[in-house]
Amino acid sequence: MFGYRVPAPNEAMLISGGKSSQGSSPFRVVTGHGTFVMPVFRKVRFLTLAMCEAEVTEVCVTKQAIALNVRAVIAFKVGNDTESIVNAGQRFLSDQDQMSILTGRIFAGHLRSIIGSMTVEEIITERQKLATEVLDGSAVEMAKIGLTVDALQIQSIDDMKLGYIAAMAAPHNAAIQRDAQIAQAVANQKAAEAEQQSQRTQAEYGRQTSIVQAHYRAEVDKAQAEAAQAGPLAQAQAQREVINARTELAQREAELRQQQLVAEVIKPANAEAERIRILALADAEKMRVQAAAAASNNRVALDRMLIDQLPQIVREAALGLKGANVNILNGADGMGEMAAGLVGQGLAILDSVKRGLGEPASTTEPVSEPTSPEKVEEKKPRGEITAA
């Protein structure tokens, strides 16, 4: 419509002319809506409300008289209230680019003032404090010209190759590097310990495995050796049993042969020897009796006849010993006593015959009394001869 004007969202429309001013303001401010402007009688101008930027690069001297090159960026705009728009319009409406230049100068002055009261260490470590103090110091001046600061950012601080900042950072850098080296050394040590522990563990597992394998091999070798020796051992055991059996058999055969030798040779020989001895004794006794009879005139012929029969009597008595097992104790004395007993028995028979004929018995004394088997065995032995 003719004469109707609408400002942009980031603009303030300033209408001058006429009598419709706002208070002490020489013009009317319209924002956010349109209004009818009479042509010829009214004049319309627009003031930006958008964000603006100003860069500040300033050489500042610190409290320690050390020059620092400080670079900062300020974000500002015209205030939203009518007073700020009026103040900004009166100052920057004809040349709105001057807002950035003037803002930079204002902040440069406050930056130099604030840095001059701080040390390099404070500026480096407390940049936020520096920005806050600069904002607080410039707030009144910025309000007078209708501007508000949204942000102040200290981008860089340079000692212009003086080396102060680098020297100040050197201890921290060295400490950091030292800590880094220590941390790296600790990490390397832990890694080495872990690797060594892993190697020890692997070695221990290897040792245990070797021990178990050696134990198994020893058991297998032992079993194989026992299996290999089982045959020869069994064969040797069988041969030993055979030898023992043969030895026992040989011993029994020797005993049997000894018994056969005693029964078949020694006993018959002993019996024959005893028989011969008895006969010899009988013959001797016969000669003695004949001599005695010759000396006596009592029935010489009869005695002669009886004496002739005495050897036959004794012989018959000796035949009773043949084939009998007789134990002769007391050696040769025992044998003599047995022979004398047989002869005595023969004489006793002879006396009995004489008494039967009515003649007195012979006055001849017998060689010895007959010795019974009980008396022979009761005598203390001097030797033993077994006769069959």
Foldseek 3Di string as FASTA:
>chain_A
DPQKDADDQQKKKWKAADDPDDPPFRTDIDHDGIDGHDPPRIDIAIDGQDKDKAKEWAWAAALVRQTKTWIKMWIKGFDPDPLLVSLQCVPDRVPVVVVRVVVRVLLRVLLNVLRHHHDPVCCVVPVVVSQVSSQVVCVVVCVNSRMHIPDMGTDDMGSPPPCPVVVVCVVVVVVVVVVVVVVVVVVVVVVVVVVVVVVVVVVVVVVVVVVVVVVVVVVVVVVVVCVVCVVVVVVVVVVVVVVVVVVVVVVVVVVVVVVCCCVPPQQAVVLVVLLVVLLVVQVVVLVVQLVVLVVDPPPSVVSVVLSVCLSVQLNVVSVVCPPPKAKAFAPPVSSVLQSLQSSVVSLVVVQVVCVVVVHHGDPDDRPDHHDDSVNRVPDDGPDIGIHD
